[in-house]
């Protein structure tokens, strides 16, 4: 269930999903929609699963037609939080591309481009190997020619 909320006068994208824990738990994923600008920008998607534990997150930057995943950090491994973060990232790309279409319809110049690809670097760490990362990104549809790459159509 996707929602657009206002928190402290900021538009917030919020979605609730279930993770793959032994006892599945509802998690809340949020993103500050004000960060989706038409020029080079960055953002952070947060996934909260507990009031007392650190949230999982995905940091990204984008410029023109490419979004770059800078880092995914999950404090609970192998229960679907990374997949949920990537799914949310795809939702945000759709929202961004719709905003671009709306802007370009009314602009006489300075047309902006859709985000057409997502890339990044696979960084090992936290007990996750490079091969496990490749498997994870492949299962999520973000691996092409052994690189973190997803083309958006």
C-alpha atoms as a PDB file:
ATOM      1  CA  UNK A   1       0.000   0.000   0.000  1.00  0.00           C
ATOM      2  CA  UNK A   2       1.723   3.146  -1.254  1.00  0.00           C
ATOM      3  CA  UNK A   3       1.096   6.476   0.430  1.00  0.00           C
ATOM      4  CA  UNK A   4       2.243  10.029  -0.084  1.00  0.00           C
ATOM      5  CA  UNK A   5       2.378  11.729   3.320  1.00  0.00           C
ATOM      6  CA  UNK A   6       3.438  15.124   4.610  1.00  0.00           C
ATOM      7  CA  UNK A   7       5.854  15.115   7.547  1.00  0.00           C
ATOM      8  CA  UNK A   8       7.137  18.490   8.746  1.00  0.00           C
ATOM      9  CA  UNK A   9       5.723  19.966   5.516  1.00  0.00           C
ATOM     10  CA  UNK A  10       7.794  17.556   3.380  1.00  0.00           C
ATOM     11  CA  UNK A  11       6.170  15.163   0.899  1.00  0.00           C
ATOM     12  CA  UNK A  12       7.105  11.623   1.963  1.00  0.00           C
ATOM     13  CA  UNK A  13       6.720   8.424  -0.081  1.00  0.00           C
ATOM     14  CA  UNK A  14       5.776   5.598   2.282  1.00  0.00           C
ATOM     15  CA  UNK A  15       5.050   1.946   1.565  1.00  0.00           C
ATOM     16  CA  UNK A  16       4.516  -0.996   3.913  1.00  0.00           C
ATOM     17  CA  UNK A  17       5.578  -4.505   2.922  1.00  0.00           C
ATOM     18  CA  UNK A  18       6.291  -7.858   4.548  1.00  0.00           C
ATOM     19  CA  UNK A  19       9.827  -9.184   4.793  1.00  0.00           C
ATOM     20  CA  UNK A  20      10.938 -12.829   4.508  1.00  0.00           C
ATOM     21  CA  UNK A  21      11.938 -13.349   8.144  1.00  0.00           C
ATOM     22  CA  UNK A  22      11.142 -16.673   9.827  1.00  0.00           C
ATOM     23  CA  UNK A  23       8.155 -14.847  11.279  1.00  0.00           C
ATOM     24  CA  UNK A  24       7.379 -12.296   8.533  1.00  0.00           C
ATOM     25  CA  UNK A  25       7.269  -8.754   9.811  1.00  0.00           C
ATOM     26  CA  UNK A  26       5.732  -5.631   8.340  1.00  0.00           C
ATOM     27  CA  UNK A  27       8.385  -3.081   7.401  1.00  0.00           C
ATOM     28  CA  UNK A  28       7.962   0.573   6.469  1.00  0.00           C
ATOM     29  CA  UNK A  29       9.940   2.076   3.602  1.00  0.00           C
ATOM     30  CA  UNK A  30      10.159   5.867   3.297  1.00  0.00           C
ATOM     31  CA  UNK A  31      11.707   8.453   0.987  1.00  0.00           C
ATOM     32  CA  UNK A  32      11.615  12.267   1.001  1.00  0.00           C
ATOM     33  CA  UNK A  33      10.007  13.093  -2.372  1.00  0.00           C
ATOM     34  CA  UNK A  34      11.360  16.658  -2.216  1.00  0.00           C
ATOM     35  CA  UNK A  35      14.771  15.139  -3.014  1.00  0.00           C
ATOM     36  CA  UNK A  36      13.607  14.127  -6.531  1.00  0.00           C
ATOM     37  CA  UNK A  37      14.936  17.145  -8.409  1.00  0.00           C
ATOM     38  CA  UNK A  38      15.577  17.516 -12.144  1.00  0.00           C
ATOM     39  CA  UNK A  39      19.268  18.273 -11.713  1.00  0.00           C
ATOM     40  CA  UNK A  40      21.962  16.075 -10.224  1.00  0.00           C
ATOM     41  CA  UNK A  41      20.760  14.948  -6.831  1.00  0.00           C
ATOM     42  CA  UNK A  42      20.955  12.170  -4.286  1.00  0.00           C
ATOM     43  CA  UNK A  43      18.597  10.333  -2.016  1.00  0.00           C
ATOM     44  CA  UNK A  44      18.219   7.817   0.756  1.00  0.00           C
ATOM     45  CA  UNK A  45      15.523   5.184   1.009  1.00  0.00           C
ATOM     46  CA  UNK A  46      15.011   3.943   4.577  1.00  0.00           C
ATOM     47  CA  UNK A  47      13.488   0.638   5.628  1.00  0.00           C
ATOM     48  CA  UNK A  48      12.371   0.548   9.269  1.00  0.00           C
ATOM     49  CA  UNK A  49      11.617  -2.799  10.833  1.00  0.00           C
ATOM     50  CA  UNK A  50      11.991  -2.051  14.533  1.00  0.00           C
ATOM     51  CA  UNK A  51      11.880   0.940  16.839  1.00  0.00           C
ATOM     52  CA  UNK A  52      15.095  -0.136  18.568  1.00  0.00           C
ATOM     53  CA  UNK A  53      17.240  -1.337  15.652  1.00  0.00           C
ATOM     54  CA  UNK A  54      18.977   0.694  12.963  1.00  0.00           C
ATOM     55  CA  UNK A  55      17.024   0.932   9.698  1.00  0.00           C
ATOM     56  CA  UNK A  56      18.259  -0.592   6.460  1.00  0.00           C
ATOM     57  CA  UNK A  57      18.908   1.939   3.718  1.00  0.00           C
ATOM     58  CA  UNK A  58      19.833   2.492   0.095  1.00  0.00           C
ATOM     59  CA  UNK A  59      21.816   5.597  -0.926  1.00  0.00           C
ATOM     60  CA  UNK A  60      21.784   6.731  -4.551  1.00  0.00           C
ATOM     61  CA  UNK A  61      22.784   9.613  -6.798  1.00  0.00           C
ATOM     62  CA  UNK A  62      21.557  10.488 -10.262  1.00  0.00           C
ATOM     63  CA  UNK A  63      22.458  12.764 -13.130  1.00  0.00           C
ATOM     64  CA  UNK A  64      20.515  13.089 -16.369  1.00  0.00           C
ATOM     65  CA  UNK A  65      19.443   9.574 -17.394  1.00  0.00           C
ATOM     66  CA  UNK A  66      21.469   7.409 -14.982  1.00  0.00           C
ATOM     67  CA  UNK A  67      20.863   6.560 -11.350  1.00  0.00           C
ATOM     68  CA  UNK A  68      23.793   5.100  -9.387  1.00  0.00           C
ATOM     69  CA  UNK A  69      23.330   2.910  -6.330  1.00  0.00           C
ATOM     70  CA  UNK A  70      26.037   4.121  -3.963  1.00  0.00           C
ATOM     71  CA  UNK A  71      25.376   1.767  -1.056  1.00  0.00           C
ATOM     72  CA  UNK A  72      22.860  -0.675   0.340  1.00  0.00           C
ATOM     73  CA  UNK A  73      23.149  -1.341   4.056  1.00  0.00           C
ATOM     74  CA  UNK A  74      21.022  -3.914   5.810  1.00  0.00           C
ATOM     75  CA  UNK A  75      21.529  -4.845   9.425  1.00  0.00           C
ATOM     76  CA  UNK A  76      19.434  -7.992   9.036  1.00  0.00           C
ATOM     77  CA  UNK A  77      20.685 -10.270   6.282  1.00  0.00           C
ATOM     78  CA  UNK A  78      18.746 -12.543   3.946  1.00  0.00           C
ATOM     79  CA  UNK A  79      15.192 -11.641   4.912  1.00  0.00           C
ATOM     80  CA  UNK A  80      14.266  -9.582   1.842  1.00  0.00           C
ATOM     81  CA  UNK A  81      15.157  -6.059   2.948  1.00  0.00           C
ATOM     82  CA  UNK A  82      17.558  -5.505   0.025  1.00  0.00           C
ATOM     83  CA  UNK A  83      14.926  -6.710  -2.446  1.00  0.00           C
ATOM     84  CA  UNK A  84      12.318  -4.391  -0.899  1.00  0.00           C
ATOM     85  CA  UNK A  85      14.735  -1.444  -1.153  1.00  0.00           C
ATOM     86  CA  UNK A  86      15.399  -2.191  -4.853  1.00  0.00           C
ATOM     87  CA  UNK A  87      11.657  -2.527  -5.568  1.00  0.00           C
ATOM     88  CA  UNK A  88      11.095   0.843  -3.902  1.00  0.00           C
ATOM     89  CA  UNK A  89      13.904   2.357  -5.969  1.00  0.00           C
ATOM     90  CA  UNK A  90      12.117   1.223  -9.151  1.00  0.00           C
ATOM     91  CA  UNK A  91       8.889   2.828  -7.869  1.00  0.00           C
ATOM     92  CA  UNK A  92      10.755   6.101  -7.291  1.00  0.00           C
ATOM     93  CA  UNK A  93      12.211   6.000 -10.811  1.00  0.00           C
ATOM     94  CA  UNK A  94       8.636   5.699 -12.157  1.00  0.00           C
ATOM     95  CA  UNK A  95       7.551   8.691 -10.040  1.00  0.00           C
ATOM     96  CA  UNK A  96      10.562  10.700 -11.243  1.00  0.00           C
ATOM     97  CA  UNK A  97       9.913   9.848 -14.902  1.00  0.00           C
ATOM     98  CA  UNK A  98       6.259  10.913 -14.543  1.00  0.00           C
ATOM     99  CA  UNK A  99       7.423  14.236 -13.052  1.00  0.00           C
ATOM    100  CA  UNK A 100       9.792  14.677 -16.017  1.00  0.00           C
ATOM    101  CA  UNK A 101       6.928  14.046 -18.476  1.00  0.00           C
ATOM    102  CA  UNK A 102       4.709  16.588 -16.706  1.00  0.00           C
ATOM    103  CA  UNK A 103       7.475  19.200 -16.665  1.00  0.00           C
ATOM    104  CA  UNK A 104       8.516  18.635 -20.286  1.00  0.00           C
ATOM    105  CA  UNK A 105       4.899  19.023 -21.508  1.00  0.00           C
ATOM    106  CA  UNK A 106       4.843  22.614 -20.302  1.00  0.00           C
ATOM    107  CA  UNK A 107       8.480  23.611 -20.853  1.00  0.00           C
ATOM    108  CA  UNK A 108       9.540  25.431 -23.992  1.00  0.00           C
ATOM    109  CA  UNK A 109      13.218  24.659 -23.379  1.00  0.00           C
ATOM    110  CA  UNK A 110      15.414  22.757 -20.916  1.00  0.00           C
ATOM    111  CA  UNK A 111      13.750  19.402 -21.373  1.00  0.00           C
ATOM    112  CA  UNK A 112      14.865  16.805 -18.874  1.00  0.00           C
ATOM    113  CA  UNK A 113      15.563  13.128 -19.524  1.00  0.00           C
ATOM    114  CA  UNK A 114      13.991  10.038 -18.037  1.00  0.00           C
ATOM    115  CA  UNK A 115      16.151   7.820 -15.882  1.00  0.00           C
ATOM    116  CA  UNK A 116      16.871   4.944 -18.282  1.00  0.00           C
ATOM    117  CA  UNK A 117      19.389   2.905 -16.319  1.00  0.00           C
ATOM    118  CA  UNK A 118      20.432   2.051 -12.798  1.00  0.00           C
ATOM    119  CA  UNK A 119      24.043   1.111 -12.151  1.00  0.00           C
ATOM    120  CA  UNK A 120      26.445   0.841  -9.246  1.00  0.00           C
ATOM    121  CA  UNK A 121      29.358  -1.043  -7.769  1.00  0.00           C
ATOM    122  CA  UNK A 122      28.958  -4.304  -5.885  1.00  0.00           C
ATOM    123  CA  UNK A 123      30.732  -3.798  -2.566  1.00  0.00           C
ATOM    124  CA  UNK A 124      31.505  -6.792  -0.407  1.00  0.00           C
ATOM    125  CA  UNK A 125      31.212  -6.480   3.332  1.00  0.00           C
ATOM    126  CA  UNK A 126      29.267  -7.512   6.373  1.00  0.00           C
ATOM    127  CA  UNK A 127      29.853 -11.177   5.635  1.00  0.00           C
ATOM    128  CA  UNK A 128      28.480 -10.973   2.068  1.00  0.00           C
ATOM    129  CA  UNK A 129      30.797 -12.181  -0.704  1.00  0.00           C
ATOM    130  CA  UNK A 130      31.020 -10.850  -4.262  1.00  0.00           C
ATOM    131  CA  UNK A 131      29.385 -14.044  -5.582  1.00  0.00           C
ATOM    132  CA  UNK A 132      26.492 -13.673  -3.125  1.00  0.00           C
ATOM    133  CA  UNK A 133      26.026 -10.079  -4.265  1.00  0.00           C
ATOM    134  CA  UNK A 134      25.937 -11.192  -7.900  1.00  0.00           C
ATOM    135  CA  UNK A 135      23.306 -13.801  -7.027  1.00  0.00           C
ATOM    136  CA  UNK A 136      21.242 -11.218  -5.116  1.00  0.00           C
ATOM    137  CA  UNK A 137      21.307  -8.621  -7.909  1.00  0.00           C
ATOM    138  CA  UNK A 138      20.611 -11.314 -10.535  1.00  0.00           C
ATOM    139  CA  UNK A 139      17.520 -12.526  -8.625  1.00  0.00           C
ATOM    140  CA  UNK A 140      16.296  -8.925  -8.415  1.00  0.00           C
ATOM    141  CA  UNK A 141      16.908  -8.296 -12.142  1.00  0.00           C
ATOM    142  CA  UNK A 142      19.770  -5.839 -11.606  1.00  0.00           C
ATOM    143  CA  UNK A 143      22.654  -7.839 -13.089  1.00  0.00           C
ATOM    144  CA  UNK A 144      23.753  -7.614 -16.721  1.00  0.00           C
ATOM    145  CA  UNK A 145      27.070  -8.969 -18.047  1.00  0.00           C
ATOM    146  CA  UNK A 146      28.191  -9.543 -14.434  1.00  0.00           C
ATOM    147  CA  UNK A 147      27.698  -5.836 -13.647  1.00  0.00           C
ATOM    148  CA  UNK A 148      25.157  -4.096 -11.452  1.00  0.00           C
ATOM    149  CA  UNK A 149      22.994  -2.683 -14.231  1.00  0.00           C
ATOM    150  CA  UNK A 150      19.253  -2.405 -14.799  1.00  0.00           C
ATOM    151  CA  UNK A 151      17.881  -0.816 -17.939  1.00  0.00           C
ATOM    152  CA  UNK A 152      14.577   1.010 -17.535  1.00  0.00           C
ATOM    153  CA  UNK A 153      12.139   0.999 -20.455  1.00  0.00           C
END
